[in-house]
N, C-alpha and C. Protein backbone atom coordinates (compact mmCIF):
# COMPACT_ATOMS: atom_id res chain seq x y z
N UNK A 1 -37.28 41.33 1.93
CA UNK A 1 -36.55 41.42 2.80
C UNK A 1 -37.36 42.14 4.33
N UNK A 2 -36.51 40.76 5.05
CA UNK A 2 -37.72 40.62 7.03
C UNK A 2 -35.90 41.70 8.09
N UNK A 3 -37.05 42.26 9.02
CA UNK A 3 -36.29 42.68 9.61
C UNK A 3 -37.00 42.11 11.37
N UNK A 4 -36.50 41.76 11.76
CA UNK A 4 -37.23 41.22 12.77
C UNK A 4 -36.16 42.00 14.05
N UNK A 5 -36.84 42.27 15.78
CA UNK A 5 -36.48 43.26 16.30
C UNK A 5 -37.35 42.18 17.71
N UNK A 6 -36.27 42.34 18.85
CA UNK A 6 -36.35 41.21 19.92
C UNK A 6 -35.60 41.94 20.94
N UNK A 7 -36.03 41.16 22.18
CA UNK A 7 -36.09 42.15 23.47
C UNK A 7 -34.48 40.98 24.07
N UNK A 8 -34.34 40.26 23.68
CA UNK A 8 -33.62 39.41 23.45
C UNK A 8 -31.91 38.60 23.39
N UNK A 9 -31.17 39.74 23.95
CA UNK A 9 -30.18 39.80 22.79
C UNK A 9 -29.07 38.54 23.33
N UNK A 10 -29.36 37.65 23.76
CA UNK A 10 -28.27 36.60 23.73
C UNK A 10 -28.81 35.79 22.77
N UNK A 11 -30.23 35.91 22.15
CA UNK A 11 -30.53 34.60 20.72
C UNK A 11 -29.45 35.74 19.25
N UNK A 12 -28.64 34.55 18.86
CA UNK A 12 -28.28 34.37 17.13
C UNK A 12 -28.97 35.20 16.09
N UNK A 13 -28.93 35.34 15.47
CA UNK A 13 -29.59 35.98 14.32
C UNK A 13 -30.32 34.73 13.35
N UNK A 14 -29.79 33.55 13.50
CA UNK A 14 -30.26 32.34 13.25
C UNK A 14 -30.65 31.73 14.29
N UNK A 15 -31.35 31.09 15.71
CA UNK A 15 -32.25 31.09 16.16
C UNK A 15 -33.40 32.19 16.70
N UNK A 16 -33.67 33.68 16.32
CA UNK A 16 -34.31 34.77 16.34
C UNK A 16 -34.91 34.53 14.90
N UNK A 17 -34.44 34.16 13.73
CA UNK A 17 -34.75 33.80 12.57
C UNK A 17 -35.87 32.44 12.72
N UNK A 18 -34.82 31.07 13.25
CA UNK A 18 -35.73 30.11 13.78
C UNK A 18 -37.02 29.90 14.01
N UNK A 19 -37.42 30.44 15.41
CA UNK A 19 -38.04 31.21 16.58
C UNK A 19 -39.10 32.05 15.81
N UNK A 20 -38.80 33.10 14.61
CA UNK A 20 -40.33 33.07 13.65
C UNK A 20 -40.72 32.47 13.00
N UNK A 21 -40.23 31.73 11.98
CA UNK A 21 -39.98 30.90 11.20
C UNK A 21 -41.67 29.87 12.11
N UNK A 22 -40.95 29.28 13.57
CA UNK A 22 -41.66 28.35 14.52
C UNK A 22 -43.41 28.70 14.55
N UNK A 23 -43.09 31.02 14.30
CA UNK A 23 -43.80 31.52 14.96
C UNK A 23 -45.04 31.58 13.97
N UNK A 24 -44.62 31.12 12.89
CA UNK A 24 -45.59 31.79 11.38
C UNK A 24 -45.73 30.01 11.13
N UNK A 25 -45.28 29.46 11.22
CA UNK A 25 -45.84 27.92 10.91
C UNK A 25 -47.30 27.32 12.38
N UNK A 26 -46.96 28.26 13.74
CA UNK A 26 -47.85 27.43 14.36
C UNK A 26 -49.48 28.96 13.25
N UNK A 27 -49.22 29.97 13.59
CA UNK A 27 -50.82 30.94 13.06
C UNK A 27 -50.95 30.30 11.33
N UNK A 28 -50.19 29.57 10.73
CA UNK A 28 -50.78 28.71 9.58
C UNK A 28 -51.13 27.69 10.68
N UNK A 29 -50.88 26.95 11.07
CA UNK A 29 -51.62 25.42 11.53
C UNK A 29 -53.15 26.30 11.85
N UNK A 30 -53.37 27.27 13.15
CA UNK A 30 -54.14 28.02 13.55
C UNK A 30 -55.69 27.89 12.17
N UNK A 31 -55.29 28.76 11.06
CA UNK A 31 -55.79 29.35 9.92
C UNK A 31 -56.44 27.55 9.63
N UNK A 32 -55.77 26.69 8.96
CA UNK A 32 -55.62 25.48 8.55
C UNK A 32 -57.29 24.75 9.83
N UNK A 33 -56.97 25.21 10.58
CA UNK A 33 -58.09 24.68 11.37
C UNK A 33 -59.19 25.48 11.41
N UNK A 34 -59.17 26.84 11.13
CA UNK A 34 -60.43 27.50 11.15
C UNK A 34 -60.54 27.24 9.56
N UNK A 35 -60.45 27.14 8.36
CA UNK A 35 -60.59 27.59 7.29
C UNK A 35 -61.16 26.56 6.51
N UNK A 36 -60.12 25.86 6.04
CA UNK A 36 -59.66 24.35 5.66
C UNK A 36 -60.53 22.81 6.19
N UNK A 37 -59.47 23.06 7.48
CA UNK A 37 -60.94 21.94 8.30
C UNK A 37 -62.02 22.86 9.27
N UNK A 38 -62.11 23.95 9.01
CA UNK A 38 -63.55 24.10 9.89
C UNK A 38 -63.50 23.83 11.89
N UNK A 39 -62.58 24.22 11.97
CA UNK A 39 -62.81 23.75 13.49
C UNK A 39 -62.31 25.01 13.95
N UNK A 40 -63.83 25.79 14.49
CA UNK A 40 -64.33 26.83 15.21
C UNK A 40 -64.05 26.16 17.09
N UNK A 41 -62.92 27.83 18.38
CA UNK A 41 -63.25 27.37 19.09
C UNK A 41 -64.16 26.59 19.18
N UNK A 42 -64.88 26.23 20.47
CA UNK A 42 -66.29 25.74 20.68
C UNK A 42 -65.93 26.00 22.75
N UNK A 43 -66.67 26.43 23.14
CA UNK A 43 -65.99 26.92 24.45
C UNK A 43 -66.93 25.66 25.27
N UNK A 44 -66.31 24.81 25.71
CA UNK A 44 -66.58 23.70 26.24
C UNK A 44 -65.87 23.87 27.52
N UNK A 45 -67.27 23.74 28.79
CA UNK A 45 -66.91 24.25 30.18
C UNK A 45 -66.28 22.55 31.55
N UNK A 46 -66.17 21.50 30.80
CA UNK A 46 -66.15 20.43 31.60
C UNK A 46 -64.03 19.92 30.43
N UNK A 47 -63.32 19.50 31.48
CA UNK A 47 -61.97 19.21 31.39
C UNK A 47 -62.18 17.93 29.83
N UNK A 48 -62.74 17.77 30.81
CA UNK A 48 -62.77 16.01 29.33
C UNK A 48 -63.18 16.39 28.04
N UNK A 49 -64.41 17.64 28.10
CA UNK A 49 -64.53 17.91 26.55
C UNK A 49 -63.35 19.03 25.79
N UNK A 50 -62.88 19.32 26.70
CA UNK A 50 -61.79 20.60 26.12
C UNK A 50 -61.08 19.25 26.19
N UNK A 51 -60.46 18.82 26.50
CA UNK A 51 -59.01 17.30 25.96
C UNK A 51 -59.23 16.93 24.95
N UNK A 52 -60.82 16.33 24.80
CA UNK A 52 -61.28 15.01 23.36
C UNK A 52 -61.57 16.36 22.20
N UNK A 53 -61.74 17.79 22.67
CA UNK A 53 -61.42 18.70 21.26
C UNK A 53 -60.58 18.83 20.88
N UNK A 54 -59.17 19.16 21.77
CA UNK A 54 -57.81 19.33 21.59
C UNK A 54 -57.47 18.40 20.76
N UNK A 55 -57.31 17.40 21.15
CA UNK A 55 -57.58 15.76 20.55
C UNK A 55 -57.91 15.85 19.03
N UNK A 56 -59.16 16.21 19.01
CA UNK A 56 -59.40 16.17 17.48
C UNK A 56 -59.18 17.13 16.84
N UNK A 57 -58.84 18.12 17.75
CA UNK A 57 -58.13 19.30 16.10
C UNK A 57 -56.47 18.90 15.98
N UNK A 58 -55.77 18.42 17.04
CA UNK A 58 -54.63 17.46 16.75
C UNK A 58 -54.88 16.65 15.74
N UNK A 59 -54.84 15.81 15.93
CA UNK A 59 -55.69 14.56 14.62
C UNK A 59 -56.08 15.19 12.91
N UNK A 60 -56.59 16.14 13.57
CA UNK A 60 -57.49 16.88 12.23
C UNK A 60 -55.74 16.92 11.82
N UNK A 61 -55.42 17.69 12.01
CA UNK A 61 -54.19 18.98 11.75
C UNK A 61 -53.02 17.66 11.33
N UNK A 62 -52.93 16.33 12.08
CA UNK A 62 -51.61 15.96 11.84
C UNK A 62 -52.13 15.42 10.77
N UNK A 63 -53.44 14.78 9.97
CA UNK A 63 -53.78 14.01 9.00
C UNK A 63 -53.55 14.90 8.12
N UNK A 64 -53.87 16.16 8.34
CA UNK A 64 -53.39 17.69 7.19
C UNK A 64 -51.98 17.95 6.69
N UNK A 65 -51.43 17.55 7.62
CA UNK A 65 -49.87 17.77 7.27
C UNK A 65 -49.11 16.66 6.91
N UNK A 66 -50.09 15.23 6.91
CA UNK A 66 -49.26 14.38 6.98
C UNK A 66 -50.19 13.67 5.15
N UNK A 67 -51.32 14.35 4.56
CA UNK A 67 -51.22 14.69 3.15
C UNK A 67 -50.49 15.93 2.39
N UNK A 68 -50.08 17.11 3.28
CA UNK A 68 -49.15 17.76 2.32
C UNK A 68 -47.63 17.23 2.36
N UNK A 69 -47.35 16.08 3.48
CA UNK A 69 -45.74 15.92 2.68
C UNK A 69 -45.98 14.54 1.55
N UNK A 70 -47.48 13.98 1.52
CA UNK A 70 -47.62 12.61 1.12
C UNK A 70 -47.60 13.63 -0.64
N UNK A 71 -48.35 14.20 -0.31
CA UNK A 71 -49.09 15.15 -1.64
C UNK A 71 -47.49 15.70 -2.47
N UNK A 72 -46.84 16.39 -1.47
CA UNK A 72 -44.88 17.10 -1.86
C UNK A 72 -44.10 15.54 -2.61
N UNK A 73 -44.55 14.47 -1.82
CA UNK A 73 -43.10 13.57 -2.22
C UNK A 73 -44.01 13.07 -3.89
N UNK A 74 -45.01 13.26 -3.96
CA UNK A 74 -45.63 13.08 -4.80
C UNK A 74 -45.68 13.49 -6.20
N UNK A 75 -44.88 15.11 -5.90
CA UNK A 75 -44.38 15.93 -7.03
C UNK A 75 -45.98 17.11 -7.14
N UNK A 76 -46.48 16.42 -5.75
CA UNK A 76 -48.09 17.23 -6.13
C UNK A 76 -48.17 18.62 -6.51
N UNK A 77 -47.47 18.81 -5.38
CA UNK A 77 -47.52 20.87 -4.67
C UNK A 77 -47.36 20.36 -3.43
N UNK A 78 -47.99 21.74 -2.44
CA UNK A 78 -47.92 21.51 -1.01
C UNK A 78 -49.19 21.85 -0.85
N UNK A 79 -50.96 21.50 -1.32
CA UNK A 79 -51.42 22.38 -0.50
C UNK A 79 -52.79 20.98 -0.66
N UNK A 80 -52.66 20.77 0.16
CA UNK A 80 -53.83 19.31 0.33
C UNK A 80 -55.34 20.13 0.37
N UNK A 81 -55.33 21.63 0.25
CA UNK A 81 -56.35 22.04 0.19
C UNK A 81 -56.72 21.45 -2.04
N UNK A 82 -56.23 21.18 -2.70
CA UNK A 82 -56.53 21.50 -4.32
C UNK A 82 -57.08 19.82 -4.14
N UNK A 83 -55.84 18.75 -3.75
CA UNK A 83 -56.57 17.18 -3.56
C UNK A 83 -57.67 17.05 -2.95
N UNK A 84 -58.04 17.51 -1.12
CA UNK A 84 -58.52 17.11 -0.73
C UNK A 84 -60.48 17.38 -1.47
N UNK A 85 -60.33 19.07 -2.43
CA UNK A 85 -61.69 19.08 -3.26
C UNK A 85 -61.21 18.47 -4.60
N UNK A 86 -60.91 17.96 -4.60
CA UNK A 86 -61.03 17.08 -6.15
C UNK A 86 -61.34 15.89 -5.79
N UNK A 87 -60.91 15.62 -4.38
CA UNK A 87 -61.48 13.83 -4.29
C UNK A 87 -62.65 14.07 -3.66
N UNK A 88 -63.58 15.12 -3.21
CA UNK A 88 -64.87 15.67 -2.94
C UNK A 88 -65.81 15.07 -3.52
N UNK A 89 -65.17 15.67 -5.15
CA UNK A 89 -65.72 14.96 -6.03
C UNK A 89 -67.07 13.59 -6.16
N UNK A 90 -65.93 12.15 -5.72
CA UNK A 90 -65.86 10.75 -5.87
C UNK A 90 -66.60 11.26 -5.05
N UNK A 91 -67.95 10.40 -5.00
CA UNK A 91 -69.38 9.24 -4.48
C UNK A 91 -69.50 8.46 -4.79
N UNK A 92 -69.83 8.36 -3.87
CA UNK A 92 -70.90 6.28 -3.76
C UNK A 92 -71.31 6.19 -3.65
N UNK A 93 -72.41 5.02 -4.34
CA UNK A 93 -73.96 4.55 -3.93
C UNK A 93 -74.12 3.65 -3.52
N UNK A 94 -75.91 3.50 -3.22
CA UNK A 94 -76.54 2.67 -2.95
C UNK A 94 -77.11 1.80 -3.52
N UNK A 95 -77.31 0.40 -3.91
CA UNK A 95 -77.68 0.10 -5.22
C UNK A 95 -78.51 -0.33 -4.43
N UNK A 96 -79.98 -0.44 -4.30
CA UNK A 96 -80.68 -1.60 -3.32
C UNK A 96 -81.85 -2.29 -3.84
N UNK A 97 -81.89 -3.29 -4.01
CA UNK A 97 -82.54 -4.47 -4.91
C UNK A 97 -82.93 -5.16 -3.63
N UNK A 98 -84.24 -5.51 -4.20
CA UNK A 98 -85.35 -6.61 -3.75
C UNK A 98 -85.10 -7.86 -3.32
N UNK A 99 -84.91 -8.83 -2.13
CA UNK A 99 -85.56 -9.91 -2.91
C UNK A 99 -86.46 -10.57 -3.28
N UNK A 100 -85.69 -11.65 -3.76
CA UNK A 100 -87.20 -12.53 -4.05
C UNK A 100 -88.40 -13.33 -3.20
N UNK A 101 -87.70 -13.62 -1.55
CA UNK A 101 -88.95 -14.35 -0.59
C UNK A 101 -89.45 -13.10 -0.53
N UNK A 102 -90.21 -13.88 0.94
CA UNK A 102 -91.22 -13.27 1.00
C UNK A 102 -90.57 -12.90 1.85
N UNK A 103 -89.98 -12.88 3.06
CA UNK A 103 -89.38 -11.54 4.21
C UNK A 103 -89.41 -10.22 3.42
N UNK A 104 -89.10 -9.96 2.32
CA UNK A 104 -89.63 -7.83 2.27
C UNK A 104 -87.79 -7.79 2.38
N UNK A 105 -87.13 -8.06 2.71
CA UNK A 105 -85.52 -7.72 3.21
C UNK A 105 -84.95 -7.20 1.62
N UNK A 106 -83.71 -6.47 1.60
CA UNK A 106 -83.64 -5.87 0.57
C UNK A 106 -82.75 -6.50 0.28
N UNK A 107 -81.36 -5.95 -0.36
CA UNK A 107 -79.77 -6.34 -0.86
C UNK A 107 -79.42 -5.00 -1.34
N UNK A 108 -78.22 -4.74 -0.80
CA UNK A 108 -78.17 -3.02 -0.60
C UNK A 108 -76.36 -3.25 -0.93
N UNK A 109 -76.38 -2.85 -1.90
CA UNK A 109 -74.72 -2.59 -2.93
C UNK A 109 -74.45 -1.49 -2.84
N UNK A 110 -73.18 -0.87 -1.91
CA UNK A 110 -72.69 0.33 -1.66
C UNK A 110 -71.55 0.21 -3.12
N UNK A 111 -71.80 1.30 -4.01
CA UNK A 111 -69.82 1.17 -5.21
C UNK A 111 -69.62 2.41 -5.08
N UNK A 112 -68.56 2.33 -6.08
CA UNK A 112 -68.17 4.05 -5.71
C UNK A 112 -68.10 4.28 -6.94
N UNK A 113 -68.09 5.55 -7.42
CA UNK A 113 -68.21 5.58 -8.64
C UNK A 113 -66.92 5.61 -9.42
N UNK A 114 -66.79 5.99 -10.85
CA UNK A 114 -65.44 5.45 -10.96
C UNK A 114 -64.31 7.20 -11.65
N UNK A 115 -63.46 7.00 -10.45
CA UNK A 115 -62.75 8.58 -10.74
C UNK A 115 -63.28 9.41 -12.35
N UNK A 116 -62.99 10.64 -12.30
CA UNK A 116 -63.05 11.44 -13.80
C UNK A 116 -61.30 11.40 -14.48
N UNK A 117 -61.20 11.76 -15.09
CA UNK A 117 -60.11 11.76 -15.95
C UNK A 117 -58.85 12.59 -14.70
N UNK A 118 -59.05 13.39 -14.22
CA UNK A 118 -58.10 14.67 -13.15
C UNK A 118 -57.86 13.40 -11.66
N UNK A 119 -59.09 12.93 -11.88
CA UNK A 119 -59.01 12.15 -10.35
C UNK A 119 -58.10 11.35 -10.86
N UNK A 120 -58.06 10.52 -11.56
CA UNK A 120 -57.67 9.22 -11.36
C UNK A 120 -56.09 9.37 -11.69
N UNK A 121 -55.97 10.53 -11.93
CA UNK A 121 -54.39 10.80 -12.96
C UNK A 121 -53.77 10.99 -10.77
N UNK A 122 -54.23 11.53 -10.22
CA UNK A 122 -54.35 12.32 -8.58
C UNK A 122 -53.57 10.72 -8.13
N UNK A 123 -54.86 10.00 -7.88
CA UNK A 123 -55.00 8.71 -7.17
C UNK A 123 -53.50 7.36 -7.89
N UNK A 124 -53.21 7.97 -8.96
CA UNK A 124 -52.09 7.30 -9.58
C UNK A 124 -51.27 7.88 -8.79
N UNK A 125 -50.91 8.78 -8.87
CA UNK A 125 -49.83 10.07 -7.88
C UNK A 125 -49.65 9.38 -6.89
N UNK A 126 -50.61 9.59 -5.83
CA UNK A 126 -50.38 9.00 -5.01
C UNK A 126 -49.84 7.39 -4.51
N UNK A 127 -50.75 6.89 -5.80
CA UNK A 127 -50.34 5.32 -5.14
C UNK A 127 -51.42 4.84 -4.45
N UNK A 128 -52.71 5.52 -4.78
CA UNK A 128 -54.36 5.06 -4.15
C UNK A 128 -54.79 4.09 -5.01
N UNK A 129 -55.85 3.63 -4.85
CA UNK A 129 -56.58 2.76 -5.70
C UNK A 129 -58.11 2.87 -4.97
N UNK A 130 -59.01 2.96 -5.93
CA UNK A 130 -60.71 3.22 -5.34
C UNK A 130 -61.10 1.45 -5.32
N UNK A 131 -62.06 1.43 -3.63
CA UNK A 131 -62.41 0.10 -4.23
C UNK A 131 -63.89 0.27 -5.61
N UNK A 132 -64.07 -0.99 -5.23
CA UNK A 132 -65.56 -0.83 -6.77
C UNK A 132 -66.41 -0.92 -5.25
N UNK A 133 -66.67 -1.78 -4.46
CA UNK A 133 -67.57 -1.22 -3.41
C UNK A 133 -66.99 -1.14 -2.31
N UNK A 134 -68.16 -0.67 -1.37
CA UNK A 134 -68.11 -0.50 0.01
C UNK A 134 -69.00 -1.18 0.98
N UNK A 135 -68.75 -1.62 1.99
CA UNK A 135 -69.68 -2.02 2.98
C UNK A 135 -70.34 -1.30 3.21
N UNK A 136 -71.92 -1.84 3.44
CA UNK A 136 -72.80 -0.75 4.15
C UNK A 136 -72.56 -0.46 5.54
N UNK A 137 -72.94 0.64 6.23
CA UNK A 137 -72.36 0.51 7.60
C UNK A 137 -73.41 -0.83 7.92
N UNK A 138 -73.16 -1.58 9.29
CA UNK A 138 -73.95 -1.96 10.09
C UNK A 138 -75.32 -2.03 10.56
N UNK A 139 -76.22 -2.13 10.61
CA UNK A 139 -77.03 -1.95 11.40
C UNK A 139 -77.58 -2.39 12.73
N UNK A 140 -77.86 -1.96 13.11
CA UNK A 140 -78.00 -2.72 15.01
C UNK A 140 -79.57 -3.18 14.54
N UNK A 141 -79.58 -4.63 15.80
CA UNK A 141 -79.99 -5.11 15.23
C UNK A 141 -81.26 -5.33 16.53
N UNK A 142 -82.39 -4.79 16.23
CA UNK A 142 -83.84 -4.94 16.70
C UNK A 142 -84.77 -5.99 17.86
């Protein structure tokens, strides 16, 4: 049972409740930023950096909420934290092979480790497939 008080007499009970729910959602968003996304306040002094930091926080939270909705539609609950913890164990490995010529160059193949049973089930419910190989990052030419 909740008891809510306000000094705004014009609000209906429903308007007061909806405002309270918005407040709890905003507080939950800040908790997600601090704990799950580990985005802490950073004290910037330049307007451009402040705007960039707000953008990064907003994008991180938007991705979090998108994953939450995606997870909910797949019938996997409402906590992206569990999915991210499970998927964080999926790794990629580089296989490096020397080329046969005299250039001392090497062939680098980045492979994704096969998911375990639980990860495979999650991927299937979300409609995702992992690639077998990833392209290595481009190295700048010198």
